[in-house]
C-alpha atoms as a PDB file:
ATOM      1  CA  MET A   1     -35.782 -39.383 -35.303  1.00  0.00           C
ATOM      2  CA  ASN A   2     -38.375 -38.630 -32.528  1.00  0.00           C
ATOM      3  CA  TYR A   3     -37.693 -38.367 -28.951  1.00  0.00           C
ATOM      4  CA  PHE A   4     -39.588 -37.560 -25.699  1.00  0.00           C
ATOM      5  CA  VAL A   5     -39.016 -34.787 -23.092  1.00  0.00           C
ATOM      6  CA  ILE A   6     -40.655 -33.672 -19.665  1.00  0.00           C
ATOM      7  CA  GLN A   7     -42.184 -30.308 -19.772  1.00  0.00           C
ATOM      8  CA  SER A   8     -43.272 -28.276 -16.762  1.00  0.00           C
ATOM      9  CA  LYS A   9     -45.189 -24.999 -15.781  1.00  0.00           C
ATOM     10  CA  ALA A  10     -43.763 -22.678 -13.044  1.00  0.00           C
ATOM     11  CA  HIS A  11     -47.426 -22.080 -11.830  1.00  0.00           C
ATOM     12  CA  PRO A  12     -50.735 -23.628 -12.582  1.00  0.00           C
ATOM     13  CA  TRP A  13     -51.985 -20.569 -14.302  1.00  0.00           C
ATOM     14  CA  ASP A  14     -49.223 -20.206 -16.727  1.00  0.00           C
ATOM     15  CA  THR A  15     -49.682 -21.256 -20.350  1.00  0.00           C
ATOM     16  CA  THR A  16     -46.017 -21.666 -21.270  1.00  0.00           C
ATOM     17  CA  TRP A  17     -44.491 -25.034 -21.019  1.00  0.00           C
ATOM     18  CA  THR A  18     -40.824 -25.237 -20.218  1.00  0.00           C
ATOM     19  CA  THR A  19     -38.783 -28.256 -21.825  1.00  0.00           C
ATOM     20  CA  TRP A  20     -36.194 -30.104 -19.649  1.00  0.00           C
ATOM     21  CA  THR A  21     -33.442 -29.962 -22.420  1.00  0.00           C
ATOM     22  CA  ASN A  22     -31.149 -32.219 -20.142  1.00  0.00           C
ATOM     23  CA  ARG A  23     -33.728 -34.919 -20.177  1.00  0.00           C
ATOM     24  CA  GLN A  24     -34.383 -36.532 -23.665  1.00  0.00           C
ATOM     25  CA  PHE A  25     -35.702 -40.128 -23.756  1.00  0.00           C
ATOM     26  CA  PRO A  26     -35.672 -42.225 -27.015  1.00  0.00           C
ATOM     27  CA  THR A  27     -38.826 -44.088 -26.168  1.00  0.00           C
ATOM     28  CA  LEU A  28     -42.112 -43.242 -24.614  1.00  0.00           C
ATOM     29  CA  GLU A  29     -41.617 -46.208 -22.154  1.00  0.00           C
ATOM     30  CA  GLU A  30     -38.360 -44.394 -20.920  1.00  0.00           C
ATOM     31  CA  ALA A  31     -39.964 -41.069 -20.502  1.00  0.00           C
ATOM     32  CA  LYS A  32     -43.037 -42.712 -18.704  1.00  0.00           C
ATOM     33  CA  ALA A  33     -40.610 -44.533 -16.373  1.00  0.00           C
ATOM     34  CA  PHE A  34     -38.849 -41.398 -15.480  1.00  0.00           C
ATOM     35  CA  PHE A  35     -42.212 -39.445 -15.040  1.00  0.00           C
ATOM     36  CA  ASP A  36     -43.306 -42.082 -12.680  1.00  0.00           C
ATOM     37  CA  THR A  37     -40.411 -41.169 -10.368  1.00  0.00           C
ATOM     38  CA  LEU A  38     -41.384 -37.476 -10.130  1.00  0.00           C
ATOM     39  CA  PRO A  39     -42.723 -36.730  -6.644  1.00  0.00           C
ATOM     40  CA  ILE A  40     -45.228 -34.056  -7.958  1.00  0.00           C
ATOM     41  CA  LYS A  41     -46.645 -34.727 -11.194  1.00  0.00           C
ATOM     42  CA  ALA A  42     -49.010 -31.734 -11.279  1.00  0.00           C
ATOM     43  CA  ASP A  43     -47.955 -29.089 -13.942  1.00  0.00           C
ATOM     44  CA  HIS A  44     -45.550 -31.750 -15.618  1.00  0.00           C
ATOM     45  CA  ARG A  45     -46.225 -33.732 -18.821  1.00  0.00           C
ATOM     46  CA  ILE A  46     -44.397 -35.866 -21.519  1.00  0.00           C
ATOM     47  CA  ALA A  47     -44.051 -34.179 -24.824  1.00  0.00           C
ATOM     48  CA  GLU A  48     -42.976 -35.722 -28.179  1.00  0.00           C
ATOM     49  CA  ALA A  49     -40.369 -33.641 -30.294  1.00  0.00           C
ATOM     50  CA  TYR A  50     -41.321 -33.433 -34.035  1.00  0.00           C
ATOM     51  CA  THR A  51     -40.264 -31.541 -36.929  1.00  0.00           C
ATOM     52  CA  VAL A  52     -42.440 -28.852 -38.408  1.00  0.00           C
ATOM     53  CA  THR A  53     -42.171 -27.935 -42.168  1.00  0.00           C
ATOM     54  CA  ARG A  54     -43.165 -24.337 -43.075  1.00  0.00           C
ATOM     55  CA  PHE A  55     -43.000 -22.476 -46.220  1.00  0.00           C
ATOM     56  CA  LYS A  56     -42.357 -18.692 -46.557  1.00  0.00           C
ATOM     57  CA  PRO A  57     -43.089 -16.918 -49.816  1.00  0.00           C
ATOM     58  CA  ILE A  58     -40.159 -15.346 -51.448  1.00  0.00           C
ATOM     59  CA  LYS A  59     -40.248 -11.680 -52.584  1.00  0.00           C
ATOM     60  CA  GLU A  60     -39.352 -11.010 -56.173  1.00  0.00           C
ATOM     61  CA  ALA A  61     -36.917  -8.190 -56.776  1.00  0.00           C
END
């Protein structure tokens, strides 16, 4: 099941987003409602969690 989180950057020049793990929202509407309460929205965003399936080749002995 997907959920939504708030992410932020420490500085505008940062390229890394930090995820607020203590705030997870089951719907986008709930995430947007919380986002609207933030006093400063710059360098914050809503992100959707998702699963990535990757494959790694095995090494033959």
